[in-house]
Protein backbone atom coordinates (compact mmCIF):
# COMPACT_ATOMS: atom_id res chain seq x y z
CA MET A 1 -29.07 6.02 47.11
CA LEU A 2 -27.82 6.61 43.60
CA LYS A 3 -25.63 3.74 42.49
CA THR A 4 -22.63 4.36 40.23
CA VAL A 5 -21.20 1.96 37.72
CA GLY A 6 -18.04 2.14 35.64
CA ASN A 7 -18.35 3.71 32.20
CA SER A 8 -17.52 0.45 30.41
CA ALA A 9 -20.18 -1.41 32.41
CA LEU A 10 -22.73 1.32 31.69
CA ASP A 11 -21.89 1.25 28.00
CA LYS A 12 -22.19 -2.54 27.88
CA ARG A 13 -25.54 -2.44 29.67
CA TYR A 14 -26.78 0.32 27.33
CA ARG A 15 -25.86 -1.70 24.22
CA ARG A 16 -27.42 -4.85 25.65
CA ASN A 17 -30.66 -3.12 26.55
CA PHE A 18 -30.79 -1.28 23.21
CA LEU A 19 -30.73 -4.64 21.42
CA VAL A 20 -33.20 -6.30 23.81
CA PHE A 21 -35.70 -3.46 23.46
CA ILE A 22 -35.34 -3.46 19.66
CA ILE A 23 -36.10 -7.21 19.55
CA ASP A 24 -39.01 -6.72 21.94
CA TRP A 25 -40.42 -3.88 19.84
CA ALA A 26 -40.00 -5.84 16.59
CA ALA A 27 -41.60 -9.04 17.87
CA TYR A 28 -44.44 -7.30 19.69
CA GLY A 29 -45.08 -4.95 16.77
CA THR A 30 -45.15 -7.82 14.31
CA ALA A 31 -47.72 -9.58 16.48
CA MET A 32 -49.89 -6.46 16.54
CA ASN A 33 -49.83 -6.26 12.74
CA PHE A 34 -51.59 -9.61 12.60
CA VAL A 35 -54.31 -8.24 14.90
CA SER A 36 -54.32 -4.65 13.68
CA VAL A 37 -56.90 -2.50 15.44
CA THR A 38 -57.20 -0.51 12.20
CA THR A 39 -57.75 -3.36 9.74
CA VAL A 40 -57.94 -6.96 10.98
CA LEU A 41 -59.97 -6.56 14.18
CA PRO A 42 -62.69 -4.33 12.65
CA ALA A 43 -63.04 -6.81 9.79
CA PHE A 44 -63.25 -9.71 12.27
CA VAL A 45 -65.96 -8.03 14.35
CA SER A 46 -67.84 -7.05 11.17
CA SER A 47 -67.86 -10.72 10.19
CA LEU A 48 -69.68 -11.51 13.45
CA THR A 49 -72.15 -8.60 13.62
CA ASP A 50 -73.50 -5.73 11.52
CA SER A 51 -73.34 -3.26 14.45
CA LYS A 52 -71.03 -0.28 13.90
CA ILE A 53 -71.09 0.38 17.63
CA ALA A 54 -69.62 -3.09 18.12
CA VAL A 55 -66.78 -2.10 15.79
CA GLY A 56 -66.23 1.12 17.73
CA LEU A 57 -66.07 -0.89 20.96
CA ILE A 58 -62.73 -2.36 19.79
CA SER A 59 -61.02 1.01 20.04
CA THR A 60 -62.91 1.83 23.24
CA ILE A 61 -61.61 -1.28 25.00
CA SER A 62 -58.12 -0.73 23.64
CA VAL A 63 -57.67 2.89 24.65
CA LEU A 64 -59.53 2.69 27.96
CA GLY A 65 -57.51 -0.28 29.15
CA TRP A 66 -54.17 0.92 27.78
CA ASN A 67 -54.45 4.57 28.79
CA PHE A 68 -56.25 4.52 32.14
CA PHE A 69 -54.27 1.69 33.67
CA GLN A 70 -50.97 3.43 32.98
CA LEU A 71 -51.85 5.79 35.84
CA VAL A 72 -52.83 2.86 38.06
CA SER A 73 -49.44 1.22 37.58
CA ALA A 74 -47.61 4.56 37.92
CA GLY A 75 -48.83 4.84 41.50
CA ILE A 76 -47.60 1.32 42.19
CA ILE A 77 -44.14 1.47 40.63
CA GLU A 78 -43.01 5.10 40.93
CA GLY A 79 -41.12 4.65 44.18
CA ARG A 80 -39.64 1.27 43.27
CA GLU A 81 -35.98 0.97 42.43
CA TYR A 82 -36.66 -1.76 39.86
CA LYS A 83 -39.73 -2.07 37.62
CA LYS A 84 -38.90 -5.23 35.65
CA PRO A 85 -40.34 -7.66 38.28
CA PHE A 86 -43.68 -5.87 38.01
CA ILE A 87 -43.69 -6.25 34.21
CA LEU A 88 -42.90 -9.96 34.40
CA ARG A 89 -45.81 -10.55 36.77
CA VAL A 90 -48.37 -8.66 34.70
CA THR A 91 -47.34 -9.23 31.09
CA PRO A 92 -48.86 -12.74 30.67
CA GLY A 93 -52.22 -10.99 30.66
CA GLU A 94 -51.40 -9.12 27.44
CA ARG A 95 -50.17 -12.27 25.67
CA ILE A 96 -52.05 -15.45 26.59
CA PRO A 97 -55.52 -14.09 25.65
CA TRP A 98 -54.52 -14.05 21.97
CA LEU A 99 -54.34 -17.84 22.12
CA VAL A 100 -57.80 -17.89 23.68
CA ILE A 101 -59.15 -15.60 20.94
CA SER A 102 -57.62 -17.74 18.19
CA ILE A 103 -59.16 -20.97 19.49
CA SER A 104 -62.58 -19.44 20.21
CA SER A 105 -62.73 -17.82 16.75
CA LEU A 106 -62.12 -21.20 15.12
CA ILE A 107 -64.71 -23.01 17.23
CA PHE A 108 -67.50 -20.46 17.61
CA ALA A 109 -67.27 -17.79 14.86
CA THR A 110 -69.51 -19.71 12.46
CA GLU A 111 -71.80 -21.67 14.78
CA ASN A 112 -72.19 -19.13 17.57
CA PRO A 113 -70.89 -15.69 16.47
CA LEU A 114 -72.30 -13.94 19.56
CA LEU A 115 -70.32 -16.17 21.89
CA ALA A 116 -67.20 -15.67 19.76
CA LEU A 117 -67.75 -11.91 19.99
CA LEU A 118 -68.18 -11.97 23.77
CA ILE A 119 -65.05 -14.09 24.25
CA PHE A 120 -63.15 -11.72 21.98
CA TYR A 121 -64.23 -8.63 23.93
CA ALA A 122 -63.46 -10.20 27.31
CA SER A 123 -60.04 -11.43 26.18
CA TYR A 124 -59.21 -8.16 24.46
CA ALA A 125 -60.10 -6.27 27.65
CA VAL A 126 -57.58 -8.38 29.57
CA VAL A 127 -54.97 -7.67 26.88
CA SER A 128 -55.59 -3.92 26.99
CA ILE A 129 -55.61 -3.62 30.78
CA SER A 130 -52.44 -5.69 31.16
CA SER A 131 -50.75 -3.70 28.42
CA GLY A 132 -51.66 -0.44 30.14
CA LEU A 133 -50.29 -1.68 33.46
CA CYS A 134 -47.00 -2.69 31.83
CA THR A 135 -46.51 0.36 29.61
CA THR A 136 -45.54 2.87 32.30
CA ALA A 137 -42.93 0.53 33.78
CA TRP A 138 -41.63 -0.38 30.31
CA LEU A 139 -41.22 3.27 29.33
CA ASP A 140 -39.52 4.12 32.60
CA ILE A 141 -36.96 1.36 32.07
CA ILE A 142 -36.32 2.66 28.55
CA ALA A 143 -35.87 6.19 29.88
CA LYS A 144 -33.34 4.88 32.43
CA SER A 145 -31.56 2.69 29.88
CA ILE A 146 -31.44 4.96 26.80
CA PRO A 147 -29.77 8.40 27.13
CA GLU A 148 -32.01 11.32 26.19
CA ASN A 149 -29.97 12.27 23.12
CA LYS A 150 -30.32 8.71 21.80
CA ARG A 151 -34.03 8.18 22.41
CA GLY A 152 -34.94 9.57 19.00
CA VAL A 153 -32.52 7.07 17.49
CA PHE A 154 -34.06 4.23 19.46
CA PHE A 155 -37.71 4.98 18.75
CA SER A 156 -37.18 5.73 15.06
CA THR A 157 -34.94 2.68 14.55
CA ALA A 158 -37.32 0.41 16.45
CA ASN A 159 -40.32 1.70 14.54
CA MET A 160 -38.50 1.35 11.20
CA ILE A 161 -37.48 -2.26 11.90
CA GLY A 162 -40.99 -2.99 13.11
CA ALA A 163 -42.40 -1.46 9.94
CA ILE A 164 -40.11 -3.55 7.72
CA LEU A 165 -41.33 -6.65 9.49
CA GLY A 166 -44.80 -5.18 9.20
CA VAL A 167 -44.59 -5.22 5.41
CA ILE A 168 -43.80 -8.91 5.57
CA SER A 169 -46.55 -9.58 8.10
CA GLY A 170 -48.99 -7.51 6.03
CA SER A 171 -48.25 -9.75 3.06
CA ILE A 172 -48.88 -12.80 5.22
CA VAL A 173 -52.15 -11.31 6.48
CA ALA A 174 -53.23 -10.77 2.87
CA PHE A 175 -52.30 -14.41 2.13
CA TYR A 176 -54.23 -15.68 5.15
CA MET A 177 -57.31 -13.64 4.31
CA SER A 178 -57.43 -14.71 0.67
CA SER A 179 -56.28 -18.33 1.01
CA PHE A 180 -58.27 -19.54 4.00
CA LYS A 181 -62.01 -19.53 4.48
CA HIS A 182 -63.70 -17.77 7.37
CA PRO A 183 -63.05 -18.27 10.27
CA LEU A 184 -59.77 -20.13 9.59
CA ASN A 185 -58.24 -16.94 8.15
CA TYR A 186 -58.77 -15.06 11.42
CA PHE A 187 -57.64 -18.06 13.47
CA MET A 188 -54.33 -17.97 11.57
CA CYS A 189 -53.93 -14.23 12.21
CA PHE A 190 -54.60 -14.60 15.94
CA LEU A 191 -52.41 -17.66 16.34
CA THR A 192 -49.49 -16.03 14.50
CA ALA A 193 -49.86 -12.97 16.71
CA PHE A 194 -49.63 -15.20 19.79
CA ILE A 195 -46.44 -16.84 18.49
CA PHE A 196 -44.67 -13.52 17.90
CA ILE A 197 -45.88 -11.97 21.13
CA SER A 198 -44.50 -15.03 22.95
CA ILE A 199 -41.08 -14.30 21.42
CA SER A 200 -41.34 -10.81 22.87
CA TRP A 201 -42.31 -12.34 26.23
CA ILE A 202 -39.14 -14.41 26.28
CA ASP A 203 -37.00 -11.45 25.16
CA ILE A 204 -37.97 -9.05 27.96
CA ASN A 205 -36.51 -11.44 30.50
CA PHE A 206 -33.06 -10.38 29.24
CA ILE A 207 -33.51 -6.69 30.14
CA GLU A 208 -30.75 -5.51 32.48
CA GLU A 209 -32.55 -2.75 34.33
CA PRO A 210 -30.51 0.05 35.91
CA PRO A 211 -31.64 1.23 39.36
CA SER A 212 -33.86 4.31 39.56
CA ASN A 213 -32.16 7.53 40.64
CA THR A 214 -34.47 8.02 43.57
CA SER A 215 -34.71 6.55 47.04
CA ALA A 216 -38.11 8.05 47.80
CA PRO A 217 -40.50 5.51 49.30
CA PRO A 218 -43.79 4.86 47.50
CA ASN A 219 -46.52 7.41 48.26
CA SER A 220 -49.68 6.26 49.94
CA PHE A 221 -52.64 6.16 47.58
CA LYS A 222 -54.12 9.27 49.19
CA GLU A 223 -50.84 11.21 48.88
CA TYR A 224 -50.39 10.03 45.33
CA VAL A 225 -53.85 11.15 44.22
CA ARG A 226 -53.40 14.49 45.99
CA LYS A 227 -50.31 15.37 43.99
CA LEU A 228 -51.93 14.84 40.58
CA PRO A 229 -53.78 18.19 40.48
CA ARG A 230 -50.53 19.91 41.53
CA ILE A 231 -48.77 18.60 38.45
CA LEU A 232 -51.49 19.93 36.17
CA LYS A 233 -51.57 23.32 37.88
CA SER A 234 -47.82 23.81 37.98
CA ASP A 235 -46.95 22.52 34.50
CA LYS A 236 -49.09 24.41 31.98
CA ASN A 237 -47.07 23.10 29.07
CA TYR A 238 -47.80 19.52 30.06
CA LEU A 239 -51.47 20.40 30.51
CA LEU A 240 -51.60 21.91 27.02
CA TYR A 241 -50.08 18.77 25.53
CA THR A 242 -52.65 16.64 27.35
CA ILE A 243 -55.54 18.81 26.12
CA SER A 244 -54.27 18.36 22.57
CA GLY A 245 -54.48 14.60 23.09
CA VAL A 246 -58.01 14.84 24.51
CA VAL A 247 -59.24 16.79 21.49
CA GLY A 248 -57.30 14.46 19.22
CA ALA A 249 -59.30 11.52 20.62
CA PHE A 250 -62.30 12.79 18.69
CA GLY A 251 -60.09 13.57 15.72
CA GLY A 252 -59.25 9.89 15.57
CA ILE A 253 -62.84 8.69 15.26
CA ALA A 254 -62.62 8.24 11.50
CA SER A 255 -59.55 5.98 11.67
CA SER A 256 -61.54 3.38 13.62
CA PHE A 257 -63.91 2.97 10.69
CA TYR A 258 -61.76 3.19 7.54
CA THR A 259 -61.81 -0.56 6.98
CA VAL A 260 -65.52 -0.94 7.69
CA TYR A 261 -66.30 2.06 5.42
CA ALA A 262 -64.28 0.47 2.60
CA ILE A 263 -66.19 -2.80 3.12
CA ASP A 264 -69.61 -1.13 3.28
CA ARG A 265 -69.25 1.34 0.41
CA PHE A 266 -66.75 -0.26 -1.96
CA LYS A 267 -67.23 -3.95 -1.07
CA ALA A 268 -63.62 -4.45 0.03
CA GLY A 269 -62.83 -8.15 0.40
CA ASP A 270 -60.54 -10.15 2.65
CA PHE A 271 -57.58 -9.65 0.29
CA ASP A 272 -58.14 -5.88 0.38
CA VAL A 273 -58.04 -5.93 4.19
CA GLY A 274 -54.66 -7.66 3.99
CA LEU A 275 -53.47 -5.13 1.40
CA PHE A 276 -54.56 -2.25 3.63
CA THR A 277 -52.50 -3.74 6.45
CA PHE A 278 -49.54 -4.07 4.08
CA ILE A 279 -49.79 -0.39 3.04
CA PHE A 280 -50.47 0.79 6.58
CA VAL A 281 -47.34 -0.76 8.05
CA GLY A 282 -45.20 -0.41 4.91
CA THR A 283 -45.56 3.36 4.92
CA GLN A 284 -44.04 3.41 8.38
CA ILE A 285 -40.68 2.25 6.98
CA VAL A 286 -40.23 5.38 4.90
CA THR A 287 -41.79 7.75 7.40
CA SER A 288 -39.75 6.41 10.32
CA ILE A 289 -36.63 7.57 8.47
CA LEU A 290 -38.34 10.84 7.54
CA TRP A 291 -39.48 11.56 11.10
CA ARG A 292 -35.98 10.77 12.39
CA LEU A 293 -34.52 13.44 10.09
CA VAL A 294 -37.22 15.95 11.07
CA GLN A 295 -36.67 15.22 14.76
CA GLU A 296 -32.92 15.77 14.50
CA LYS A 297 -33.42 19.23 13.02
CA HIS A 298 -36.71 20.45 14.46
CA GLY A 299 -37.55 18.30 17.48
CA HIS A 300 -40.23 15.84 18.49
CA LYS A 301 -43.09 18.34 18.58
CA THR A 302 -42.67 19.14 14.89
CA VAL A 303 -42.79 15.42 14.10
CA LEU A 304 -46.09 15.11 15.96
CA VAL A 305 -47.58 18.20 14.26
CA LEU A 306 -46.68 16.88 10.81
CA GLY A 307 -48.01 13.45 11.77
CA GLY A 308 -51.25 15.08 12.86
CA ILE A 309 -51.50 16.79 9.46
CA ALA A 310 -51.01 13.40 7.78
CA GLY A 311 -53.81 11.95 9.91
CA ALA A 312 -56.15 14.82 9.03
CA SER A 313 -55.27 14.38 5.36
CA ALA A 314 -56.26 10.70 5.59
CA ILE A 315 -59.73 11.78 6.72
CA VAL A 316 -60.00 14.20 3.80
CA VAL A 317 -59.05 11.50 1.28
CA SER A 318 -61.56 9.06 2.80
CA ILE A 319 -64.29 11.69 2.46
CA ILE A 320 -63.60 12.42 -1.21
CA ALA A 321 -62.93 8.77 -2.13
CA ASN A 322 -64.97 7.48 -5.07
CA SER A 323 -63.21 4.14 -5.49
CA LEU A 324 -61.43 1.54 -3.37
CA ASN A 325 -58.03 2.69 -4.68
CA TYR A 326 -58.31 5.88 -2.63
CA PHE A 327 -57.99 3.80 0.50
CA LEU A 328 -54.43 2.87 -0.39
CA ILE A 329 -53.69 6.57 0.16
CA VAL A 330 -55.86 6.69 3.26
CA PHE A 331 -53.96 3.87 4.95
CA ALA A 332 -50.60 5.25 3.80
CA LEU A 333 -51.38 8.60 5.45
CA ALA A 334 -52.75 6.85 8.53
CA GLY A 335 -49.53 4.82 8.74
CA ALA A 336 -47.44 7.99 8.50
CA SER A 337 -49.49 9.54 11.29
CA LEU A 338 -49.11 6.51 13.56
CA SER A 339 -45.38 6.41 12.81
CA SER A 340 -44.96 10.01 13.99
CA PHE A 341 -46.66 9.10 17.27
CA MET A 342 -44.49 6.04 17.78
CA VAL A 343 -41.29 7.97 17.06
CA SER A 344 -41.91 11.14 19.08
CA ASN A 345 -44.76 10.91 21.57
CA PHE A 346 -42.92 9.02 24.30
CA PRO A 347 -39.59 10.88 23.90
CA LEU A 348 -41.43 14.20 24.16
CA LEU A 349 -43.19 13.04 27.32
CA MET A 350 -39.86 11.91 28.76
CA GLU A 351 -38.38 15.33 28.05
CA MET A 352 -41.26 17.02 29.87
CA SER A 353 -41.12 14.74 32.91
CA PRO A 354 -38.97 15.19 36.05
CA GLU A 355 -37.06 11.94 36.49
CA ASP A 356 -38.48 11.06 39.89
CA GLU A 357 -42.06 11.64 38.67
CA ARG A 358 -41.70 10.27 35.17
CA PRO A 359 -44.12 7.31 35.60
CA THR A 360 -46.79 9.67 36.93
CA TYR A 361 -46.35 12.19 34.11
CA ILE A 362 -46.69 9.41 31.54
CA GLY A 363 -49.58 7.69 33.30
CA LEU A 364 -51.51 10.85 34.22
CA GLY A 365 -51.64 12.16 30.67
CA SER A 366 -52.82 8.79 29.40
CA ALA A 367 -55.45 8.46 32.14
CA LEU A 368 -56.87 11.91 31.50
CA LYS A 369 -57.24 11.12 27.81
CA SER A 370 -58.64 7.62 28.36
CA PRO A 371 -62.34 8.49 28.93
CA PHE A 372 -62.39 10.55 25.74
CA LEU A 373 -60.43 8.01 23.73
CA ALA A 374 -62.81 5.32 25.01
CA ILE A 375 -66.06 7.09 24.24
CA ALA A 376 -65.03 8.62 20.91
CA PRO A 377 -65.28 5.39 18.83
CA LEU A 378 -68.67 4.58 20.41
CA ILE A 379 -69.90 8.05 19.51
CA GLY A 380 -68.49 7.45 16.04
CA GLY A 381 -70.37 4.17 15.70
CA PHE A 382 -73.60 5.81 16.86
CA MET A 383 -73.15 8.75 14.48
CA ILE A 384 -72.51 6.44 11.52
CA GLU A 385 -75.67 4.47 12.23
CA LYS A 386 -77.68 7.68 12.75
CA TYR A 387 -76.18 10.18 10.29
CA GLY A 388 -73.85 8.23 8.02
CA TYR A 389 -70.11 8.17 7.35
CA PHE A 390 -69.84 11.65 5.77
CA THR A 391 -71.10 13.59 8.80
CA THR A 392 -69.03 11.44 11.15
CA PHE A 393 -65.82 11.89 9.18
CA ILE A 394 -66.33 15.66 8.82
CA THR A 395 -66.75 15.91 12.60
CA SER A 396 -63.59 13.86 13.10
CA LEU A 397 -61.69 16.15 10.72
CA PHE A 398 -62.74 19.25 12.67
CA PHE A 399 -61.40 17.88 15.96
CA ALA A 400 -58.21 16.65 14.29
CA ILE A 401 -57.46 20.17 13.04
CA VAL A 402 -58.18 21.74 16.45
CA SER A 403 -55.86 19.20 18.09
CA ILE A 404 -53.04 20.13 15.70
CA VAL A 405 -53.50 23.84 16.43
CA ILE A 406 -53.29 23.24 20.21
CA LEU A 407 -50.25 20.98 19.82
CA ALA A 408 -48.46 23.70 17.85
CA GLU A 409 -48.62 25.91 20.96
CA VAL A 410 -46.70 23.45 23.15
CA ARG A 411 -43.26 24.75 24.05
CA THR A 412 -40.29 22.41 23.92
CA ARG A 413 -36.63 22.63 24.72
CA PRO A 414 -34.14 23.29 21.90
CA THR A 415 -33.17 20.13 20.03
CA ARG A 416 -29.75 18.72 20.85
CA ILE A 417 -28.17 17.30 17.71
CA GLU A 418 -25.78 14.64 18.92
CA ILE A 419 -26.96 11.73 16.81
CA PRO A 420 -24.68 9.78 14.46
CA THR A 421 -25.52 9.13 10.82
CA GLN A 422 -27.50 6.02 9.90
CA GLU A 423 -24.39 4.33 8.57
CA ARG A 424 -22.47 4.87 11.80
CA LEU A 425 -25.52 3.77 13.76
CA ILE A 426 -25.67 0.45 11.97
CA LYS A 427 -21.97 -0.18 12.64
CA ARG A 428 -22.31 0.84 16.26
CA PHE A 429 -25.35 -1.21 17.13
């Protein structure tokens, strides 16, 4: 049954959860900046092996674990009144492995790089799978806790705060990479990531989860699987959005190799990798504010379309680059593109989803995209070794443009402008 709570209690719980989720986002995001899948991790793997396929495997593990296992957890949690207990059971798997990676990199990276690489891949797989299992439940709690007309505020504010901290963490990454010898520099990055992600781990215990507005019992696995095709057949708009993401998986191939390309062609050093991280996350501060303003006036879809254009532009700049300085622009555009996704992807999915099927809508789209997101970086690594960076990046650009065109056809509801100004927001929260 639907439980009712007094307005003052609801308001207090909303404010509490808003703050808890902001802290969680900031701490977790800061940790991820120290182990950036765009800069730090490709550089780390490149220090252990010359294989470009091995670099592509980073993104494959990340997206396959994170995307596919969202659907797995959706089938488990959809009928549950409370999702927080599930998160608390699973989330150690996305946190403790970073400590394992840090220690193994220090011990084995120089003496036995193959063993260090294998430990990294195994640990990173555990991180990605656990993260995927937790994401659907985490998003459902946010959707229950944050009113629809305030979700844009939440995601843009969280991403902006995370980006501000990201600038600081990017500076620290640059310091680590230039001040410590290999592999101590990577050990420091991984260990710092573990410290911040542990802060996030502590923080999520303070979530005050509202009950779900459904009393439906969990479906059996057979019933659950049977309803998935129905969703795709009955909701063409959702299907179109998912197809855009599938095509976009191949549009994102180039972004997995920006750092390695800069190292191979322009001899980028450890300090440059740190600088790229600084630019990548720093750009998100400005663009989080920009996307918030665009979302208020034109909606989340427009934010994602413009972010897609920024991502495609990053590929163009990387193709025409004739010096290392071009990559400051590349990572700035890539940061703007990622920021648009962080601000508007989840709110748009929440808008599309019926409340009682929200976990499935979120998990199904991610699962359908996961095989393509997983194989795309491996194809990219193979193409680079076979045909070179230019052909690979041109192919990536083509798919990025097609994805944008499909996304532009997605229909959304009219934007409801009920959001206070930034000044009032700061006073209120």
